[in-house]
């Protein structure tokens, strides 16, 4: 095959197509030429050069309104015309787009002059709402994947040598896409699979796109951003340019300009920068939708898109903060890594609590990094208060969803809580995970624990009480003494939950998520994160937060996935910790004035304990005076005299 054969053929074919345009007046019945934008030229280049190099599967991540579907439909017509008898499928997200794309394909074919493909060689032979057949024996099936959960029957039963899927991210069923691809030809030299879509959060489309990045020998994944659309610019003669185009790029914009240049070899102009600034102002509170439709880079497309439950811009900002802190080698960004080992006891072949130990690992070693279960950013501080959230799994690694045990530890202040430790593992028995929880409660001492008691959570409570009794048992006295465990978990206490709609004073230990309590739990954590009251040090926790969405039934969580990297266990563990802080710990610390800044000054000995005590007394006295002022005046004689009633 000659170098750039397909690329040259595509370019020539597209030059001969005619379209109907609302902007340009046609000079004949065929329509107007398809004037390619930079975005469309890039698409043709990627597919053409890929085919020249033996690649048959393409995944295009795109911005909106870049003309990618338009140019890919042109390639559809070209491929059907070039390959006699080929069986193809065109897949859309809904019926409306199916009708639109079918109409456009028909228009393209009819725009060529008679005899262009050879006398009677290629023309529409039969056509209905679901299928087209052509005079060269080729056929094109029109399929609708659907945006809501449905049967995957649309993708089963027939194999294809040519497939074009558009807006893949909106397909409801990942299994349908998988079934479709399983039916794709494996050895046919004329096979071609094109998938193109905007981003829609962390879903099956991202998995597909990432798989192409990981397998460049058989697939090609490529990105085309908003900047490649020739229309996305404000000319300097436009009055809007004075407002949006005169200022120099700020720091964030400079970083994005450099990223686009380095990654995609494109220099964004002043006119383009003015356009995206105008769009950002115009988007207002719908910034997330703007980022989904007009991403600068492929990473931004996935991180900053979808209907995330949390503010994705804040998540992105925190991720950048972590990266910068790690590059600068800041102490608060570095962690110590550990792995728990449960050896068997002297008198049993079962794991023994008194043989339970931690192995120090060094994350800079890649093999050791993958074994890290416990990350500690800040070791226990005497006198500090902590909350621990525990999202409990069943301890199965072979289940359908593979949920993990996740424990999040936060240090508490009056105005915020700061992540100090994180434990996450999969496939560990709930009893062993309970030992980890007990150990962390003992290590961080003055702590309130809050666990998910649905499922096996109550087993954790039973094991926690059992371990306390175990440490008190006389026959274990020497073991306890040798390990200095005499006061282990002495100050640890459970979170107490009171139903908001309950008229009584009763409480229950810990928290059980259900259709009524889950929104309450998650709205609490969302508000605290939005107000900057949570400092997160775990990159994986932030990645999980980006996955959490509100589905069409109002459910809150990450989409179901067997992949441990696409779960929400860390998020819910943090939510349990935050609930304990808000409901019980924060109020006491507020009354004592123990803000983050004040606590840091105390630890640096910039403020003496005596000063702190006096400040707390004054604060409580003022609070008491204010409370008394709000009360009704006494109804005695003094009140009558003051009001002229005697």
Foldseek 3Di string as FASTA:
>chain_A
DDQLPQLVVLVVLLQQWADADPVDDAPDPLHHRDDAFLLLNVVSVVVSNCLSLVAFAEEEAEFPPQCNLVSVLSVVLVLQLVDFQFEEEEEEADLVVLVVSVVSNQSRQVSHDAQPSHHQRWDFDDDDSAKTAISSNYIYGYFHQYQADDDLVSQDDAAGQEYEYEQVQSRNDLVSVVSNVVRYDDPPSSRHHYYYHFAAAPDSSVVVLVVCVVCVSHYHYDYYFPQRRPVQFADPVHPLCVVQQDDDDDPVVVVLQVCLCVPPVDHRDSRNRSSVSVVCVVCVPVVLCVCRNGPSDPVSNHQSHHFFPANSVLLVVLLVVLVVCVVVVPLLLDWWFKAWDFQCDPVDRDGDLLRIDIDTFDCVPPVSVVRGFKIFSDFADPPWEKEKFWEADQLQLPDQQQDWIKMWMWTDALQATETGMIGIDTNGHRLVVLSVVQQVLQRNPQYEYAYACPDCNVVSVVSSVVVVVVCVDPVCVVSCVVVVCNCRNVNYYFFWDDDPPDPDPDTDTHDHDDPPCVVVLVVLVNVCVVVVRYHDNDSLQSSLSSQWRQDPVRDTFHPRDSDPSRGNRNVVRVSRRSVSCVPPPNVVNVLQVGHPVNVVCVVVVVDDPVVSVVVSVVSVVVVVVVVVVPDDDDPDPVVCVVVVND
